[in-house]
Amino acid sequence: MMQASSRESLAIVRERLDELTADVSVEALRQLGSELSAVVELLARERVLLRHLADPSAGEQARAGLVGRVFDGKVGATAVRVLREVAGQRWSRPRDLVDAVELLGRQAVLTATERENTLDETEDELFRFGRVLGSENALRSLLSDATVPAERRLTLLHGVLDRKVGRDTMDLLEQAVRAPRGQTLDVLITQLADLAAQRRQRTVAFVTASAPLTSAQEERLAQVLSRIYARTISVQVDVDPEVLGGLVVRVGDEVIDGSVASRLAYASRGLPS
């Protein structure tokens, strides 16, 4: 988790990204997302470069100058401006700078989906593929395995999802598969779905139920959770018969477990073995 100084810097560069891309086209946003993702891969390899970019003792102008020398002509002008903004902030540790560039790349793609009115579909496609990975251990392991060449992982991803998800969903998943950075793909997809919800000023509640909920039940659950958390909640439902009735709801790090299985497990702790 980022420390306070890095969180403040991240908030600043996210706002600046929105300002810098206010008038650019959807295609330019997609290109920016792709370029920032490539920068993430580069910084993960070039640790010396990363240390210099994140070194507060070098001075803001020196770090911005380094961005220009390294990236001018290699990525577009907007990407260079974004990277200068990132390098100009103070980061608690070099990894936080990479995390920021990664998030900004995702934000650029999600902004494109907003402008094309496909953000809801993108969020839903990410969630549904996350559910697939949750039940397919072999597929999750292969797509997350950084020892497998990236091109092979991308070929597998396209084999599974071609023509089943939108372009922007695929772009986000490709970014995650190319540079998992030590995380499994299902975790990365959860982060992406959360980020998509944030773009709509919503928080995602991941709900596990023993049987599918009706649209009316999902809407009612979203209303109840929104009142509890005092903010708009978007509900994503997964079905797992093993919960034995009731619901398990996860909002951020908080879990509300109202399943029969949970109550039975709790009761059994008081029984002799």
C-alpha atoms as a PDB file:
ATOM      1  CA  MET A   1       0.000   0.000   0.000  1.00  0.00           C
ATOM      2  CA  MET A   2       1.241   3.493  -0.846  1.00  0.00           C
ATOM      3  CA  GLN A   3       2.318   5.831   1.923  1.00  0.00           C
ATOM      4  CA  ALA A   4       0.702   9.237   2.312  1.00  0.00           C
ATOM      5  CA  SER A   5       3.143  11.172   0.110  1.00  0.00           C
ATOM      6  CA  SER A   6       2.729   8.718  -2.762  1.00  0.00           C
ATOM      7  CA  ARG A   7      -1.056   8.722  -2.419  1.00  0.00           C
ATOM      8  CA  GLU A   8      -1.048  12.517  -2.654  1.00  0.00           C
ATOM      9  CA  SER A   9       1.187  12.388  -5.718  1.00  0.00           C
ATOM     10  CA  LEU A  10      -1.049   9.768  -7.328  1.00  0.00           C
ATOM     11  CA  ALA A  11      -4.142  11.910  -6.790  1.00  0.00           C
ATOM     12  CA  ILE A  12      -2.360  14.863  -8.425  1.00  0.00           C
ATOM     13  CA  VAL A  13      -1.233  12.967 -11.527  1.00  0.00           C
ATOM     14  CA  ARG A  14      -4.623  11.321 -11.987  1.00  0.00           C
ATOM     15  CA  GLU A  15      -6.239  14.738 -12.022  1.00  0.00           C
ATOM     16  CA  ARG A  16      -3.581  16.049 -14.385  1.00  0.00           C
ATOM     17  CA  LEU A  17      -4.192  13.129 -16.746  1.00  0.00           C
ATOM     18  CA  ASP A  18      -7.856  14.109 -17.019  1.00  0.00           C
ATOM     19  CA  GLU A  19      -6.814  17.695 -17.743  1.00  0.00           C
ATOM     20  CA  LEU A  20      -4.204  16.719 -20.343  1.00  0.00           C
ATOM     21  CA  THR A  21      -6.607  14.391 -22.175  1.00  0.00           C
ATOM     22  CA  ALA A  22      -9.748  16.530 -21.989  1.00  0.00           C
ATOM     23  CA  ASP A  23      -9.649  17.315 -25.717  1.00  0.00           C
ATOM     24  CA  VAL A  24      -7.930  14.271 -27.190  1.00  0.00           C
ATOM     25  CA  SER A  25      -9.713  11.661 -29.288  1.00  0.00           C
ATOM     26  CA  VAL A  26     -10.786   8.205 -28.176  1.00  0.00           C
ATOM     27  CA  GLU A  27      -8.089   6.659 -30.371  1.00  0.00           C
ATOM     28  CA  ALA A  28      -5.475   8.941 -28.816  1.00  0.00           C
ATOM     29  CA  LEU A  29      -6.573   7.806 -25.353  1.00  0.00           C
ATOM     30  CA  ARG A  30      -6.190   4.181 -26.370  1.00  0.00           C
ATOM     31  CA  GLN A  31      -2.761   4.913 -27.804  1.00  0.00           C
ATOM     32  CA  LEU A  32      -1.784   6.681 -24.584  1.00  0.00           C
ATOM     33  CA  GLY A  33      -2.883   3.671 -22.546  1.00  0.00           C
ATOM     34  CA  SER A  34      -0.773   1.388 -24.729  1.00  0.00           C
ATOM     35  CA  GLU A  35       2.281   3.658 -24.509  1.00  0.00           C
ATOM     36  CA  LEU A  36       2.102   3.997 -20.725  1.00  0.00           C
ATOM     37  CA  SER A  37       1.763   0.227 -20.428  1.00  0.00           C
ATOM     38  CA  ALA A  38       4.954  -0.168 -22.490  1.00  0.00           C
ATOM     39  CA  VAL A  39       6.688   2.308 -20.167  1.00  0.00           C
ATOM     40  CA  VAL A  40       5.675   0.167 -17.194  1.00  0.00           C
ATOM     41  CA  GLU A  41       7.366  -2.823 -18.799  1.00  0.00           C
ATOM     42  CA  LEU A  42      10.482  -0.747 -19.501  1.00  0.00           C
ATOM     43  CA  LEU A  43      10.735   0.594 -15.942  1.00  0.00           C
ATOM     44  CA  ALA A  44      10.287  -2.917 -14.537  1.00  0.00           C
ATOM     45  CA  ARG A  45      13.407  -3.924 -16.492  1.00  0.00           C
ATOM     46  CA  GLU A  46      15.489  -0.739 -16.210  1.00  0.00           C
ATOM     47  CA  ARG A  47      15.860  -0.363 -12.462  1.00  0.00           C
ATOM     48  CA  VAL A  48      18.608   2.272 -12.710  1.00  0.00           C
ATOM     49  CA  LEU A  49      16.403   4.497 -14.854  1.00  0.00           C
ATOM     50  CA  LEU A  50      13.543   4.011 -12.402  1.00  0.00           C
ATOM     51  CA  ARG A  51      15.715   5.002  -9.437  1.00  0.00           C
ATOM     52  CA  HIS A  52      16.787   8.206 -11.195  1.00  0.00           C
ATOM     53  CA  LEU A  53      13.205   9.115 -12.116  1.00  0.00           C
ATOM     54  CA  ALA A  54      12.035   8.577  -8.532  1.00  0.00           C
ATOM     55  CA  ASP A  55      15.057  10.180  -6.830  1.00  0.00           C
ATOM     56  CA  PRO A  56      13.844  13.309  -4.977  1.00  0.00           C
ATOM     57  CA  SER A  57      17.416  14.538  -4.472  1.00  0.00           C
ATOM     58  CA  ALA A  58      17.821  14.962  -8.251  1.00  0.00           C
ATOM     59  CA  GLY A  59      15.353  17.841  -8.376  1.00  0.00           C
ATOM     60  CA  GLU A  60      12.109  18.129 -10.315  1.00  0.00           C
ATOM     61  CA  GLN A  61      13.640  19.780 -13.385  1.00  0.00           C
ATOM     62  CA  ALA A  62      16.396  17.188 -13.622  1.00  0.00           C
ATOM     63  CA  ARG A  63      13.874  14.339 -13.485  1.00  0.00           C
ATOM     64  CA  ALA A  64      11.657  16.013 -16.093  1.00  0.00           C
ATOM     65  CA  GLY A  65      14.713  16.472 -18.302  1.00  0.00           C
ATOM     66  CA  LEU A  66      15.544  12.792 -17.991  1.00  0.00           C
ATOM     67  CA  VAL A  67      12.013  11.923 -19.144  1.00  0.00           C
ATOM     68  CA  GLY A  68      12.562  14.048 -22.241  1.00  0.00           C
ATOM     69  CA  ARG A  69      15.935  12.507 -23.066  1.00  0.00           C
ATOM     70  CA  VAL A  70      14.642   8.943 -22.681  1.00  0.00           C
ATOM     71  CA  PHE A  71      11.125   9.134 -24.100  1.00  0.00           C
ATOM     72  CA  ASP A  72      10.961  12.001 -26.642  1.00  0.00           C
ATOM     73  CA  GLY A  73      10.330  10.424 -30.032  1.00  0.00           C
ATOM     74  CA  LYS A  74       9.732   7.010 -28.483  1.00  0.00           C
ATOM     75  CA  VAL A  75       6.164   7.708 -27.288  1.00  0.00           C
ATOM     76  CA  GLY A  76       3.655  10.398 -28.186  1.00  0.00           C
ATOM     77  CA  ALA A  77       3.755  13.977 -26.914  1.00  0.00           C
ATOM     78  CA  THR A  78       0.876  13.405 -24.487  1.00  0.00           C
ATOM     79  CA  ALA A  79       2.600  10.387 -22.961  1.00  0.00           C
ATOM     80  CA  VAL A  80       5.785  12.436 -22.477  1.00  0.00           C
ATOM     81  CA  ARG A  81       3.813  15.190 -20.754  1.00  0.00           C
ATOM     82  CA  VAL A  82       2.149  12.640 -18.474  1.00  0.00           C
ATOM     83  CA  LEU A  83       5.495  11.053 -17.617  1.00  0.00           C
ATOM     84  CA  ARG A  84       6.963  14.459 -16.825  1.00  0.00           C
ATOM     85  CA  GLU A  85       4.078  15.048 -14.440  1.00  0.00           C
ATOM     86  CA  VAL A  86       4.740  11.694 -12.773  1.00  0.00           C
ATOM     87  CA  ALA A  87       8.492  12.283 -12.495  1.00  0.00           C
ATOM     88  CA  GLY A  88       7.835  15.727 -11.035  1.00  0.00           C
ATOM     89  CA  GLN A  89       6.055  14.288  -7.990  1.00  0.00           C
ATOM     90  CA  ARG A  90       7.556  12.818  -4.823  1.00  0.00           C
ATOM     91  CA  TRP A  91       7.215   9.049  -4.389  1.00  0.00           C
ATOM     92  CA  SER A  92       7.857   7.146  -1.177  1.00  0.00           C
ATOM     93  CA  ARG A  93       9.535   4.364  -3.132  1.00  0.00           C
ATOM     94  CA  PRO A  94      10.368   3.760  -6.815  1.00  0.00           C
ATOM     95  CA  ARG A  95       7.722   1.035  -7.165  1.00  0.00           C
ATOM     96  CA  ASP A  96       5.022   3.606  -6.408  1.00  0.00           C
ATOM     97  CA  LEU A  97       6.068   5.584  -9.478  1.00  0.00           C
ATOM     98  CA  VAL A  98       5.638   2.468 -11.645  1.00  0.00           C
ATOM     99  CA  ASP A  99       2.275   1.751 -10.008  1.00  0.00           C
ATOM    100  CA  ALA A 100       1.207   5.297 -10.876  1.00  0.00           C
ATOM    101  CA  VAL A 101       2.186   4.974 -14.546  1.00  0.00           C
ATOM    102  CA  GLU A 102       0.371   1.637 -14.708  1.00  0.00           C
ATOM    103  CA  LEU A 103      -2.792   3.089 -13.208  1.00  0.00           C
ATOM    104  CA  LEU A 104      -2.669   6.121 -15.525  1.00  0.00           C
ATOM    105  CA  GLY A 105      -2.475   3.793 -18.523  1.00  0.00           C
ATOM    106  CA  ARG A 106      -5.566   1.982 -17.338  1.00  0.00           C
ATOM    107  CA  GLN A 107      -7.287   5.279 -16.612  1.00  0.00           C
ATOM    108  CA  ALA A 108      -6.646   6.440 -20.178  1.00  0.00           C
ATOM    109  CA  VAL A 109      -8.327   3.332 -21.603  1.00  0.00           C
ATOM    110  CA  LEU A 110     -11.285   3.620 -19.237  1.00  0.00           C
ATOM    111  CA  THR A 111     -11.705   7.266 -20.199  1.00  0.00           C
ATOM    112  CA  ALA A 112     -12.007   6.059 -23.792  1.00  0.00           C
ATOM    113  CA  THR A 113     -14.777   3.666 -22.746  1.00  0.00           C
ATOM    114  CA  GLU A 114     -16.568   6.521 -20.977  1.00  0.00           C
ATOM    115  CA  ARG A 115     -16.566   8.624 -24.122  1.00  0.00           C
ATOM    116  CA  GLU A 116     -17.913   5.717 -26.147  1.00  0.00           C
ATOM    117  CA  ASN A 117     -20.542   4.902 -23.488  1.00  0.00           C
ATOM    118  CA  THR A 118     -19.191   1.359 -23.028  1.00  0.00           C
ATOM    119  CA  LEU A 119     -17.873   1.654 -19.469  1.00  0.00           C
ATOM    120  CA  ASP A 120     -20.678  -0.488 -18.012  1.00  0.00           C
ATOM    121  CA  GLU A 121     -20.014  -3.229 -20.558  1.00  0.00           C
ATOM    122  CA  THR A 122     -16.261  -3.102 -19.902  1.00  0.00           C
ATOM    123  CA  GLU A 123     -16.771  -3.432 -16.156  1.00  0.00           C
ATOM    124  CA  ASP A 124     -19.146  -6.372 -16.653  1.00  0.00           C
ATOM    125  CA  GLU A 125     -16.809  -8.143 -19.102  1.00  0.00           C
ATOM    126  CA  LEU A 126     -13.899  -7.799 -16.685  1.00  0.00           C
ATOM    127  CA  PHE A 127     -15.967  -9.193 -13.843  1.00  0.00           C
ATOM    128  CA  ARG A 128     -17.245 -12.139 -15.889  1.00  0.00           C
ATOM    129  CA  PHE A 129     -13.739 -13.068 -17.045  1.00  0.00           C
ATOM    130  CA  GLY A 130     -12.561 -12.787 -13.454  1.00  0.00           C
ATOM    131  CA  ARG A 131     -15.181 -15.381 -12.531  1.00  0.00           C
ATOM    132  CA  VAL A 132     -13.894 -17.675 -15.280  1.00  0.00           C
ATOM    133  CA  LEU A 133     -10.356 -17.403 -13.930  1.00  0.00           C
ATOM    134  CA  GLY A 134     -11.614 -18.065 -10.412  1.00  0.00           C
ATOM    135  CA  SER A 135     -12.891 -21.467 -11.516  1.00  0.00           C
ATOM    136  CA  GLU A 136     -10.122 -22.314 -14.017  1.00  0.00           C
ATOM    137  CA  ASN A 137      -6.930 -22.698 -12.005  1.00  0.00           C
ATOM    138  CA  ALA A 138      -4.810 -23.915 -14.919  1.00  0.00           C
ATOM    139  CA  LEU A 139      -5.844 -21.009 -17.147  1.00  0.00           C
ATOM    140  CA  ARG A 140      -5.216 -18.497 -14.349  1.00  0.00           C
ATOM    141  CA  SER A 141      -1.765 -19.947 -13.666  1.00  0.00           C
ATOM    142  CA  LEU A 142      -0.730 -19.929 -17.325  1.00  0.00           C
ATOM    143  CA  LEU A 143      -1.882 -16.363 -17.944  1.00  0.00           C
ATOM    144  CA  SER A 144      -0.193 -15.149 -14.746  1.00  0.00           C
ATOM    145  CA  ASP A 145       3.100 -17.032 -15.197  1.00  0.00           C
ATOM    146  CA  ALA A 146       5.805 -14.450 -15.950  1.00  0.00           C
ATOM    147  CA  THR A 147       8.231 -17.271 -16.874  1.00  0.00           C
ATOM    148  CA  VAL A 148       6.060 -18.022 -19.933  1.00  0.00           C
ATOM    149  CA  PRO A 149       6.879 -15.626 -22.824  1.00  0.00           C
ATOM    150  CA  ALA A 150       4.404 -12.776 -23.015  1.00  0.00           C
ATOM    151  CA  GLU A 151       3.479 -13.542 -26.621  1.00  0.00           C
ATOM    152  CA  ARG A 152       2.429 -17.068 -25.684  1.00  0.00           C
ATOM    153  CA  ARG A 153       0.295 -15.733 -22.834  1.00  0.00           C
ATOM    154  CA  LEU A 154      -1.300 -13.176 -25.147  1.00  0.00           C
ATOM    155  CA  THR A 155      -2.011 -15.861 -27.760  1.00  0.00           C
ATOM    156  CA  LEU A 156      -3.767 -17.896 -25.071  1.00  0.00           C
ATOM    157  CA  LEU A 157      -5.752 -14.850 -23.932  1.00  0.00           C
ATOM    158  CA  HIS A 158      -6.947 -14.160 -27.473  1.00  0.00           C
ATOM    159  CA  GLY A 159      -7.794 -17.810 -27.986  1.00  0.00           C
ATOM    160  CA  VAL A 160     -10.073 -17.702 -24.967  1.00  0.00           C
ATOM    161  CA  LEU A 161     -11.649 -14.262 -25.452  1.00  0.00           C
ATOM    162  CA  ASP A 162     -11.496 -13.196 -29.119  1.00  0.00           C
ATOM    163  CA  ARG A 163     -14.875 -11.744 -30.193  1.00  0.00           C
ATOM    164  CA  LYS A 164     -16.266 -12.307 -26.707  1.00  0.00           C
ATOM    165  CA  VAL A 165     -15.224  -8.970 -25.179  1.00  0.00           C
ATOM    166  CA  GLY A 166     -14.900  -5.410 -26.428  1.00  0.00           C
ATOM    167  CA  ARG A 167     -11.731  -3.809 -27.700  1.00  0.00           C
ATOM    168  CA  ASP A 168     -11.051  -1.784 -24.560  1.00  0.00           C
ATOM    169  CA  THR A 169     -11.600  -4.779 -22.293  1.00  0.00           C
ATOM    170  CA  MET A 170      -9.084  -6.710 -24.360  1.00  0.00           C
ATOM    171  CA  ASP A 171      -6.615  -3.806 -24.224  1.00  0.00           C
ATOM    172  CA  LEU A 172      -6.815  -3.731 -20.421  1.00  0.00           C
ATOM    173  CA  LEU A 173      -6.410  -7.499 -20.163  1.00  0.00           C
ATOM    174  CA  GLU A 174      -3.458  -7.454 -22.559  1.00  0.00           C
ATOM    175  CA  GLN A 175      -1.753  -4.850 -20.382  1.00  0.00           C
ATOM    176  CA  ALA A 176      -2.279  -7.042 -17.311  1.00  0.00           C
ATOM    177  CA  VAL A 177      -1.039 -10.196 -19.048  1.00  0.00           C
ATOM    178  CA  ARG A 178       2.075  -8.490 -20.450  1.00  0.00           C
ATOM    179  CA  ALA A 179       3.154  -7.086 -17.088  1.00  0.00           C
ATOM    180  CA  PRO A 180       1.597  -8.985 -14.149  1.00  0.00           C
ATOM    181  CA  ARG A 181       4.342  -7.635 -11.852  1.00  0.00           C
ATOM    182  CA  GLY A 182       4.088 -10.484  -9.384  1.00  0.00           C
ATOM    183  CA  GLN A 183       0.289 -10.592  -9.181  1.00  0.00           C
ATOM    184  CA  THR A 184      -2.106 -13.222 -10.472  1.00  0.00           C
ATOM    185  CA  LEU A 185      -4.431 -12.174 -13.264  1.00  0.00           C
ATOM    186  CA  ASP A 186      -7.592 -12.643 -11.213  1.00  0.00           C
ATOM    187  CA  VAL A 187      -6.292 -10.097  -8.669  1.00  0.00           C
ATOM    188  CA  LEU A 188      -5.406  -7.674 -11.476  1.00  0.00           C
ATOM    189  CA  ILE A 189      -8.858  -8.076 -13.018  1.00  0.00           C
ATOM    190  CA  THR A 190     -10.510  -7.286  -9.676  1.00  0.00           C
ATOM    191  CA  GLN A 191      -8.421  -4.110  -9.541  1.00  0.00           C
ATOM    192  CA  LEU A 192      -9.474  -3.209 -13.080  1.00  0.00           C
ATOM    193  CA  ALA A 193     -13.162  -3.776 -12.317  1.00  0.00           C
ATOM    194  CA  ASP A 194     -12.835  -1.627  -9.187  1.00  0.00           C
ATOM    195  CA  LEU A 195     -11.169   1.116 -11.231  1.00  0.00           C
ATOM    196  CA  ALA A 196     -13.951   0.968 -13.816  1.00  0.00           C
ATOM    197  CA  ALA A 197     -16.522   1.364 -11.043  1.00  0.00           C
ATOM    198  CA  GLN A 198     -14.607   4.325  -9.626  1.00  0.00           C
ATOM    199  CA  ARG A 199     -14.877   6.046 -13.002  1.00  0.00           C
ATOM    200  CA  ARG A 200     -18.642   5.997 -12.438  1.00  0.00           C
ATOM    201  CA  GLN A 201     -18.192   7.251  -8.863  1.00  0.00           C
ATOM    202  CA  ARG A 202     -19.262   3.837  -7.656  1.00  0.00           C
ATOM    203  CA  THR A 203     -17.833   1.152  -5.401  1.00  0.00           C
ATOM    204  CA  VAL A 204     -18.174  -2.493  -6.432  1.00  0.00           C
ATOM    205  CA  ALA A 205     -19.724  -5.024  -4.065  1.00  0.00           C
ATOM    206  CA  PHE A 206     -18.693  -8.545  -5.058  1.00  0.00           C
ATOM    207  CA  VAL A 207     -21.553 -10.821  -4.019  1.00  0.00           C
ATOM    208  CA  THR A 208     -21.545 -14.622  -3.849  1.00  0.00           C
ATOM    209  CA  ALA A 209     -24.971 -16.261  -3.735  1.00  0.00           C
ATOM    210  CA  SER A 210     -26.145 -19.865  -3.723  1.00  0.00           C
ATOM    211  CA  ALA A 211     -28.453 -19.152  -6.694  1.00  0.00           C
ATOM    212  CA  PRO A 212     -28.788 -16.366  -9.266  1.00  0.00           C
ATOM    213  CA  LEU A 213     -30.480 -13.180  -8.099  1.00  0.00           C
ATOM    214  CA  THR A 214     -33.231 -11.521 -10.088  1.00  0.00           C
ATOM    215  CA  SER A 215     -32.696  -8.021 -11.449  1.00  0.00           C
ATOM    216  CA  ALA A 216     -35.059  -6.693  -8.787  1.00  0.00           C
ATOM    217  CA  GLN A 217     -33.082  -8.465  -6.032  1.00  0.00           C
ATOM    218  CA  GLU A 218     -29.777  -7.087  -7.338  1.00  0.00           C
ATOM    219  CA  GLU A 219     -31.229  -3.588  -7.457  1.00  0.00           C
ATOM    220  CA  ARG A 220     -32.612  -3.907  -3.931  1.00  0.00           C
ATOM    221  CA  LEU A 221     -29.280  -5.233  -2.633  1.00  0.00           C
ATOM    222  CA  ALA A 222     -27.424  -2.330  -4.285  1.00  0.00           C
ATOM    223  CA  GLN A 223     -29.812   0.144  -2.621  1.00  0.00           C
ATOM    224  CA  VAL A 224     -29.341  -1.439   0.823  1.00  0.00           C
ATOM    225  CA  LEU A 225     -25.532  -1.512   0.487  1.00  0.00           C
ATOM    226  CA  SER A 226     -25.489   2.083  -0.771  1.00  0.00           C
ATOM    227  CA  ARG A 227     -27.316   3.168   2.387  1.00  0.00           C
ATOM    228  CA  ILE A 228     -24.944   1.162   4.604  1.00  0.00           C
ATOM    229  CA  TYR A 229     -21.785   2.592   3.013  1.00  0.00           C
ATOM    230  CA  ALA A 230     -23.185   6.074   2.273  1.00  0.00           C
ATOM    231  CA  ARG A 231     -22.044   5.940  -1.347  1.00  0.00           C
ATOM    232  CA  THR A 232     -23.260   4.421  -4.599  1.00  0.00           C
ATOM    233  CA  ILE A 233     -22.616   0.678  -4.722  1.00  0.00           C
ATOM    234  CA  SER A 234     -22.503  -1.393  -7.912  1.00  0.00           C
ATOM    235  CA  VAL A 235     -23.297  -5.093  -7.390  1.00  0.00           C
ATOM    236  CA  GLN A 236     -21.549  -7.939  -9.225  1.00  0.00           C
ATOM    237  CA  VAL A 237     -22.992 -11.376  -8.432  1.00  0.00           C
ATOM    238  CA  ASP A 238     -21.256 -14.739  -8.616  1.00  0.00           C
ATOM    239  CA  VAL A 239     -23.075 -18.041  -7.992  1.00  0.00           C
ATOM    240  CA  ASP A 240     -21.557 -20.704  -5.742  1.00  0.00           C
ATOM    241  CA  PRO A 241     -23.857 -23.482  -4.419  1.00  0.00           C
ATOM    242  CA  GLU A 242     -21.358 -24.178  -1.627  1.00  0.00           C
ATOM    243  CA  VAL A 243     -22.444 -21.054   0.259  1.00  0.00           C
ATOM    244  CA  LEU A 244     -25.631 -23.018   1.157  1.00  0.00           C
ATOM    245  CA  GLY A 245     -28.044 -20.117   1.076  1.00  0.00           C
ATOM    246  CA  GLY A 246     -27.700 -16.492   2.051  1.00  0.00           C
ATOM    247  CA  LEU A 247     -25.096 -14.136   0.638  1.00  0.00           C
ATOM    248  CA  VAL A 248     -21.412 -13.343   1.022  1.00  0.00           C
ATOM    249  CA  VAL A 249     -20.696  -9.687   0.227  1.00  0.00           C
ATOM    250  CA  ARG A 250     -17.225  -8.170  -0.187  1.00  0.00           C
ATOM    251  CA  VAL A 251     -16.816  -4.413  -0.350  1.00  0.00           C
ATOM    252  CA  GLY A 252     -13.143  -3.487  -0.449  1.00  0.00           C
ATOM    253  CA  ASP A 253     -11.441  -5.327   2.424  1.00  0.00           C
ATOM    254  CA  GLU A 254     -14.693  -5.837   4.345  1.00  0.00           C
ATOM    255  CA  VAL A 255     -16.621  -9.115   4.095  1.00  0.00           C
ATOM    256  CA  ILE A 256     -20.221  -9.575   5.205  1.00  0.00           C
ATOM    257  CA  ASP A 257     -20.832 -13.310   5.403  1.00  0.00           C
ATOM    258  CA  GLY A 258     -24.496 -14.200   5.832  1.00  0.00           C
ATOM    259  CA  SER A 259     -24.281 -17.666   4.295  1.00  0.00           C
ATOM    260  CA  VAL A 260     -25.586 -20.802   5.967  1.00  0.00           C
ATOM    261  CA  ALA A 261     -22.164 -22.390   5.439  1.00  0.00           C
ATOM    262  CA  SER A 262     -20.534 -19.623   7.469  1.00  0.00           C
ATOM    263  CA  ARG A 263     -23.068 -19.931  10.287  1.00  0.00           C
ATOM    264  CA  LEU A 264     -22.630 -23.724  10.380  1.00  0.00           C
ATOM    265  CA  ALA A 265     -18.853 -23.363  10.458  1.00  0.00           C
ATOM    266  CA  TYR A 266     -19.125 -20.855  13.308  1.00  0.00           C
ATOM    267  CA  ALA A 267     -21.489 -23.122  15.270  1.00  0.00           C
ATOM    268  CA  SER A 268     -19.288 -26.174  14.769  1.00  0.00           C
ATOM    269  CA  ARG A 269     -16.388 -24.453  16.503  1.00  0.00           C
ATOM    270  CA  GLY A 270     -18.267 -24.852  19.754  1.00  0.00           C
ATOM    271  CA  LEU A 271     -18.878 -28.567  19.269  1.00  0.00           C
ATOM    272  CA  PRO A 272     -16.603 -31.387  20.510  1.00  0.00           C
ATOM    273  CA  SER A 273     -14.546 -33.036  17.805  1.00  0.00           C
END
